[in-house]
């Protein structure tokens, strides 16, 4: 499996870099497309949820958890 890939995204007008493994990038891009929103908007929404959480994980971890929960919900397990 390929190693992590770093990409820049804009959140609230600020550029930030996120490092994720290619399968997570693919899933994130697919999720944004399925929700009909730009990738930056989806990452910003996940970031807002992350900040509201009591246990503040880093953004890359929050994205992985968000994608995992989304997959569980799609499988009828969440």
C-alpha atoms as a PDB file:
ATOM      1  CA  UNK A   1       0.000   0.000   0.000  1.00  0.00           C
ATOM      2  CA  UNK A   2       1.199   3.496  -0.816  1.00  0.00           C
ATOM      3  CA  UNK A   3       2.300   5.746   2.005  1.00  0.00           C
ATOM      4  CA  UNK A   4       0.468   8.823   3.245  1.00  0.00           C
ATOM      5  CA  UNK A   5      -0.083  11.747   0.884  1.00  0.00           C
ATOM      6  CA  UNK A   6      -0.028  15.377   2.002  1.00  0.00           C
ATOM      7  CA  UNK A   7      -2.482  17.766   0.343  1.00  0.00           C
ATOM      8  CA  UNK A   8      -3.458  21.356   0.981  1.00  0.00           C
ATOM      9  CA  UNK A   9      -7.071  22.347   1.590  1.00  0.00           C
ATOM     10  CA  UNK A  10      -8.658  25.660   2.463  1.00  0.00           C
ATOM     11  CA  UNK A  11     -10.729  25.883   5.624  1.00  0.00           C
ATOM     12  CA  UNK A  12     -12.399  29.209   6.399  1.00  0.00           C
ATOM     13  CA  UNK A  13     -10.006  30.989   4.068  1.00  0.00           C
ATOM     14  CA  UNK A  14      -6.877  29.427   5.548  1.00  0.00           C
ATOM     15  CA  UNK A  15      -4.716  26.848   3.810  1.00  0.00           C
ATOM     16  CA  UNK A  16      -3.856  23.804   5.856  1.00  0.00           C
ATOM     17  CA  UNK A  17      -2.169  20.567   4.906  1.00  0.00           C
ATOM     18  CA  UNK A  18      -3.620  17.175   5.714  1.00  0.00           C
ATOM     19  CA  UNK A  19      -1.777  13.883   5.446  1.00  0.00           C
ATOM     20  CA  UNK A  20      -3.909  10.824   4.708  1.00  0.00           C
ATOM     21  CA  UNK A  21      -3.358   7.447   3.118  1.00  0.00           C
ATOM     22  CA  UNK A  22      -4.619   7.210  -0.498  1.00  0.00           C
ATOM     23  CA  UNK A  23      -7.695   5.085   0.373  1.00  0.00           C
ATOM     24  CA  UNK A  24      -8.837   7.795   2.798  1.00  0.00           C
ATOM     25  CA  UNK A  25      -8.302  10.529   0.196  1.00  0.00           C
ATOM     26  CA  UNK A  26     -10.306   8.485  -2.311  1.00  0.00           C
ATOM     27  CA  UNK A  27     -13.128   7.947   0.200  1.00  0.00           C
ATOM     28  CA  UNK A  28     -13.141  11.625   1.171  1.00  0.00           C
ATOM     29  CA  UNK A  29     -13.341  12.794  -2.444  1.00  0.00           C
ATOM     30  CA  UNK A  30     -16.113  10.249  -3.105  1.00  0.00           C
ATOM     31  CA  UNK A  31     -18.045  11.405  -0.001  1.00  0.00           C
ATOM     32  CA  UNK A  32     -17.824  15.045  -1.078  1.00  0.00           C
ATOM     33  CA  UNK A  33     -19.122  14.097  -4.510  1.00  0.00           C
ATOM     34  CA  UNK A  34     -21.970  12.038  -3.061  1.00  0.00           C
ATOM     35  CA  UNK A  35     -22.954  14.934  -0.799  1.00  0.00           C
ATOM     36  CA  UNK A  36     -22.700  17.386  -3.692  1.00  0.00           C
ATOM     37  CA  UNK A  37     -20.232  19.708  -1.986  1.00  0.00           C
ATOM     38  CA  UNK A  38     -16.621  20.676  -2.675  1.00  0.00           C
ATOM     39  CA  UNK A  39     -13.914  18.748  -0.856  1.00  0.00           C
ATOM     40  CA  UNK A  40     -12.871  21.890   1.051  1.00  0.00           C
ATOM     41  CA  UNK A  41     -16.448  22.344   2.307  1.00  0.00           C
ATOM     42  CA  UNK A  42     -16.624  18.759   3.548  1.00  0.00           C
ATOM     43  CA  UNK A  43     -13.278  19.067   5.328  1.00  0.00           C
ATOM     44  CA  UNK A  44     -14.448  22.348   6.893  1.00  0.00           C
ATOM     45  CA  UNK A  45     -17.632  20.636   8.134  1.00  0.00           C
ATOM     46  CA  UNK A  46     -15.619  17.776   9.642  1.00  0.00           C
ATOM     47  CA  UNK A  47     -13.343  20.363  11.253  1.00  0.00           C
ATOM     48  CA  UNK A  48     -16.326  22.137  12.867  1.00  0.00           C
ATOM     49  CA  UNK A  49     -17.527  18.798  14.272  1.00  0.00           C
ATOM     50  CA  UNK A  50     -13.995  18.066  15.498  1.00  0.00           C
ATOM     51  CA  UNK A  51     -13.743  21.392  17.318  1.00  0.00           C
ATOM     52  CA  UNK A  52     -17.132  20.810  18.979  1.00  0.00           C
ATOM     53  CA  UNK A  53     -15.958  17.416  20.283  1.00  0.00           C
ATOM     54  CA  UNK A  54     -14.786  17.216  23.895  1.00  0.00           C
ATOM     55  CA  UNK A  55     -11.768  15.122  22.883  1.00  0.00           C
ATOM     56  CA  UNK A  56     -10.121  17.240  20.192  1.00  0.00           C
ATOM     57  CA  UNK A  57      -8.292  14.887  17.774  1.00  0.00           C
ATOM     58  CA  UNK A  58      -6.103  16.191  14.990  1.00  0.00           C
ATOM     59  CA  UNK A  59      -7.890  16.894  11.716  1.00  0.00           C
ATOM     60  CA  UNK A  60      -6.521  13.861   9.856  1.00  0.00           C
ATOM     61  CA  UNK A  61      -7.737  11.566  12.652  1.00  0.00           C
ATOM     62  CA  UNK A  62     -11.123  13.296  12.689  1.00  0.00           C
ATOM     63  CA  UNK A  63     -11.445  12.707   8.937  1.00  0.00           C
ATOM     64  CA  UNK A  64     -10.597   9.014   9.293  1.00  0.00           C
ATOM     65  CA  UNK A  65     -13.137   8.596  12.100  1.00  0.00           C
ATOM     66  CA  UNK A  66     -15.796  10.517  10.138  1.00  0.00           C
ATOM     67  CA  UNK A  67     -15.231   8.273   7.111  1.00  0.00           C
ATOM     68  CA  UNK A  68     -15.354   5.142   9.264  1.00  0.00           C
ATOM     69  CA  UNK A  69     -18.638   6.211  10.873  1.00  0.00           C
ATOM     70  CA  UNK A  70     -20.052   7.045   7.445  1.00  0.00           C
ATOM     71  CA  UNK A  71     -19.105   3.584   6.168  1.00  0.00           C
ATOM     72  CA  UNK A  72     -20.713   1.937   9.204  1.00  0.00           C
ATOM     73  CA  UNK A  73     -23.895   3.947   8.697  1.00  0.00           C
ATOM     74  CA  UNK A  74     -23.979   2.967   5.010  1.00  0.00           C
ATOM     75  CA  UNK A  75     -23.635  -0.671   6.034  1.00  0.00           C
ATOM     76  CA  UNK A  76     -26.540  -0.262   8.471  1.00  0.00           C
ATOM     77  CA  UNK A  77     -24.314  -0.625  11.511  1.00  0.00           C
ATOM     78  CA  UNK A  78     -24.136   2.935  12.746  1.00  0.00           C
END
